[in-house]
Protein backbone atom coordinates (compact mmCIF):
# COMPACT_ATOMS: atom_id res chain seq x y z
CA MET A 1 140.15 130.42 104.67
CA ALA A 2 143.05 129.68 106.96
CA GLN A 3 140.89 130.41 109.98
CA THR A 4 138.23 128.05 108.71
CA MET A 5 140.78 125.28 108.20
CA ALA A 6 142.18 125.83 111.65
CA SER A 7 138.76 125.72 113.27
CA MET A 8 137.85 122.56 111.33
CA THR A 9 140.83 120.77 112.73
CA GLY A 10 139.70 121.70 116.20
CA LEU A 11 142.64 123.85 117.15
CA SER A 12 141.95 126.44 119.81
CA GLN A 13 145.40 127.87 120.40
CA GLY A 14 147.79 129.83 118.24
CA VAL A 15 148.72 128.04 115.05
CA ARG A 16 151.40 128.94 112.59
CA LEU A 17 150.09 128.37 109.10
CA PRO A 18 152.29 128.74 106.05
CA GLY A 19 151.31 131.60 103.79
CA PRO A 20 151.26 131.62 100.01
CA THR A 21 154.57 130.82 98.32
CA GLY A 22 156.91 133.69 97.78
CA ARG A 23 155.44 135.75 100.59
CA ARG A 24 156.25 136.15 104.19
CA ALA A 25 154.58 133.58 106.47
CA SER A 26 151.91 135.03 108.70
CA ARG A 27 150.61 133.93 112.07
CA PHE A 28 146.92 133.36 112.68
CA THR A 29 145.53 132.93 116.11
CA VAL A 30 142.29 131.14 116.58
CA ARG A 31 140.71 131.48 119.99
CA ALA A 32 137.52 129.68 120.94
CA SER A 33 135.54 129.04 124.06
CA SER A 34 135.25 125.46 125.27
CA ALA A 35 131.77 125.07 123.72
CA GLU A 36 133.01 126.40 120.39
CA ALA A 37 136.08 124.16 120.55
CA GLU A 38 133.90 121.15 121.30
CA ALA A 39 131.58 122.03 118.40
CA ALA A 40 134.58 122.54 116.11
CA GLY A 41 135.93 119.14 117.17
CA ARG A 42 132.61 117.49 116.41
CA ARG A 43 132.46 119.26 113.08
CA ALA A 44 135.92 118.02 112.22
CA VAL A 45 135.04 114.43 113.08
CA LEU A 46 131.76 114.62 111.16
CA GLY A 47 133.59 116.12 108.19
CA LEU A 48 136.10 113.30 108.20
CA MET A 49 133.33 110.71 108.46
CA ALA A 50 131.41 112.32 105.61
CA SER A 51 134.46 112.39 103.38
CA GLY A 52 135.09 108.71 104.17
CA VAL A 53 131.52 107.77 103.25
CA VAL A 54 131.66 109.73 100.01
CA GLY A 55 135.04 108.25 99.17
CA SER A 56 133.88 104.68 99.74
CA ALA A 57 130.69 105.29 97.73
CA PHE A 58 132.79 106.67 94.89
CA ALA A 59 135.08 103.64 95.04
CA GLN A 60 132.07 101.33 94.82
CA VAL A 61 130.79 103.19 91.76
CA VAL A 62 134.19 102.89 90.09
CA HIS A 63 134.35 99.14 90.70
CA ALA A 64 130.69 98.48 89.84
CA GLY A 65 131.53 97.52 86.28
CA THR A 66 133.25 94.33 87.45
CA VAL A 67 130.11 92.83 89.01
CA ALA A 68 128.85 89.67 87.30
CA ALA A 69 125.41 89.60 85.72
CA ILE A 70 122.52 88.30 87.81
CA LYS A 71 121.13 85.02 86.54
CA VAL A 72 117.36 84.66 86.61
CA GLY A 73 116.07 81.15 87.00
CA PRO A 74 112.70 79.55 86.39
CA PRO A 75 109.69 80.43 88.55
CA PRO A 76 109.30 78.60 91.84
CA PRO A 77 107.24 75.42 91.89
CA LEU A 78 103.52 75.66 92.56
CA SER A 79 102.61 75.45 96.20
CA GLY A 80 99.09 74.08 95.78
CA GLY A 81 98.47 70.82 97.55
CA LEU A 82 100.29 71.73 100.74
CA PRO A 83 98.12 71.90 103.85
CA GLY A 84 96.22 75.18 103.84
CA THR A 85 97.31 76.18 100.33
CA ASP A 86 95.07 74.02 98.16
CA ASN A 87 94.15 76.79 95.72
CA SER A 88 96.85 79.35 96.37
CA ASP A 89 98.09 79.38 92.77
CA GLU A 90 94.71 79.68 91.08
CA ALA A 91 92.58 82.73 90.54
CA ARG A 92 89.48 82.65 92.69
CA ASP A 93 86.00 83.69 91.66
CA PHE A 94 84.30 85.09 94.71
CA ASN A 95 80.62 84.75 94.10
CA LEU A 96 78.20 86.41 96.53
CA LYS A 97 75.50 83.77 96.08
CA PRO A 98 77.05 81.18 98.46
CA LEU A 99 77.56 83.90 101.07
CA ILE A 100 73.91 84.92 100.72
CA ASP A 101 72.80 81.29 101.00
CA LYS A 102 74.88 80.85 104.17
CA LYS A 103 73.54 84.17 105.50
CA GLN A 104 77.01 85.58 106.13
CA TRP A 105 75.85 89.17 105.91
CA PRO A 106 78.99 91.04 107.02
CA TYR A 107 81.01 89.21 104.35
CA VAL A 108 78.36 89.97 101.75
CA MET A 109 78.38 93.69 102.56
CA ASN A 110 82.16 94.03 102.74
CA ASP A 111 82.80 92.08 99.55
CA LEU A 112 80.03 93.86 97.69
CA ARG A 113 81.24 97.31 98.71
CA LEU A 114 84.85 96.53 97.83
CA ARG A 115 84.01 95.14 94.40
CA ALA A 116 81.49 97.91 93.67
CA SER A 117 84.11 100.59 94.32
CA TYR A 118 86.56 98.95 91.90
CA LEU A 119 83.79 98.41 89.36
CA ARG A 120 82.69 102.05 89.59
CA TYR A 121 86.23 103.26 88.93
CA ASP A 122 86.78 100.84 86.03
CA LEU A 123 83.45 101.69 84.40
CA LYS A 124 84.16 105.43 84.65
CA THR A 125 87.50 104.85 82.93
CA VAL A 126 85.92 102.81 80.13
CA ILE A 127 83.07 105.29 79.66
CA SER A 128 85.48 108.22 79.44
CA SER A 129 87.35 106.42 76.64
CA LYS A 130 84.23 106.23 74.46
CA THR A 131 84.20 108.69 71.61
CA THR A 132 80.58 109.57 70.97
CA LYS A 133 78.29 111.30 73.41
CA GLU A 134 75.53 108.81 72.59
CA GLU A 135 77.66 105.84 73.74
CA LYS A 136 78.68 107.68 76.90
CA LYS A 137 75.09 108.59 77.75
CA ASP A 138 73.81 105.04 77.24
CA LEU A 139 76.58 103.55 79.34
CA LYS A 140 76.11 106.12 82.10
CA ASP A 141 72.41 105.29 82.26
CA LEU A 142 73.13 101.55 82.44
CA THR A 143 75.81 101.97 85.11
CA GLY A 144 73.45 104.15 87.12
CA LYS A 145 70.89 101.36 87.00
CA LEU A 146 73.59 98.81 87.90
CA PHE A 147 74.68 100.73 90.98
CA ALA A 148 71.05 101.25 92.03
CA THR A 149 70.59 97.46 92.08
CA LEU A 150 73.91 97.08 93.93
CA ASP A 151 72.66 99.55 96.53
CA GLY A 152 69.48 97.49 96.86
CA LEU A 153 71.57 94.35 97.37
CA ASP A 154 73.67 96.15 99.97
CA HIS A 155 70.53 97.28 101.79
CA ALA A 156 69.16 93.72 101.73
CA ALA A 157 72.38 92.49 103.32
CA LYS A 158 72.20 95.28 105.88
CA ILE A 159 68.67 94.31 106.98
CA LYS A 160 69.59 90.60 106.64
CA SER A 161 66.77 89.71 104.29
CA PRO A 162 67.51 86.64 102.16
CA THR A 163 64.48 87.13 99.90
CA GLU A 164 65.39 90.74 99.04
CA ALA A 165 69.03 89.74 98.61
CA GLU A 166 68.04 87.00 96.14
CA LYS A 167 65.83 89.46 94.24
CA TYR A 168 68.49 92.20 93.98
CA TYR A 169 71.20 89.66 93.21
CA GLY A 170 69.25 88.47 90.18
CA GLU A 171 68.57 92.04 89.04
CA THR A 172 72.23 93.00 89.48
CA LYS A 173 73.36 90.00 87.48
CA THR A 174 70.97 90.91 84.64
CA VAL A 175 71.95 94.59 84.54
CA LEU A 176 75.65 93.71 84.73
CA GLY A 177 75.18 91.44 81.73
CA ASP A 178 73.55 94.34 79.87
CA VAL A 179 76.45 96.66 80.71
CA LEU A 180 79.01 94.11 79.54
CA ALA A 181 77.04 93.50 76.32
CA LYS A 182 76.97 97.25 75.67
CA LEU A 183 80.72 97.53 76.29
CA GLY A 184 81.59 94.46 74.17
């Protein structure tokens, strides 16, 4: 233990350390090469820094009870009406029909695929919560039909066919209504 304390303080020469009380004092000699002495010096400095950090963190914990409560105010004012933020505070209903009419096919495909993935996950969750096997089977059949029409709509957007897109959009809307009626 005495050797460890001596090496932590970075001493590389003979050091006289007091022994336990009531006994004769002994002499310990700690010898180290220059690399070991340098490492011991670094260790000592790092140890002192670590103890300082721990001590200050402990002091902050002790004094934490004196901190005043945080006051929460009202929500910020709506930002709608500023240039470029006309509808920033309102929920938006992204309908694919205007995108199909404008023939913006990449937007149609990306939006459709994103929403279909969320819808698939949500429908699986709702179907798994149903109790009877009959309800689960009916809903699985309807969702299978729904995703078949969504795939048709995606294919129509991929080949950039407005007539097929209109057809599959109508079918998807009908089947989605059936699914929601069955869930309701």
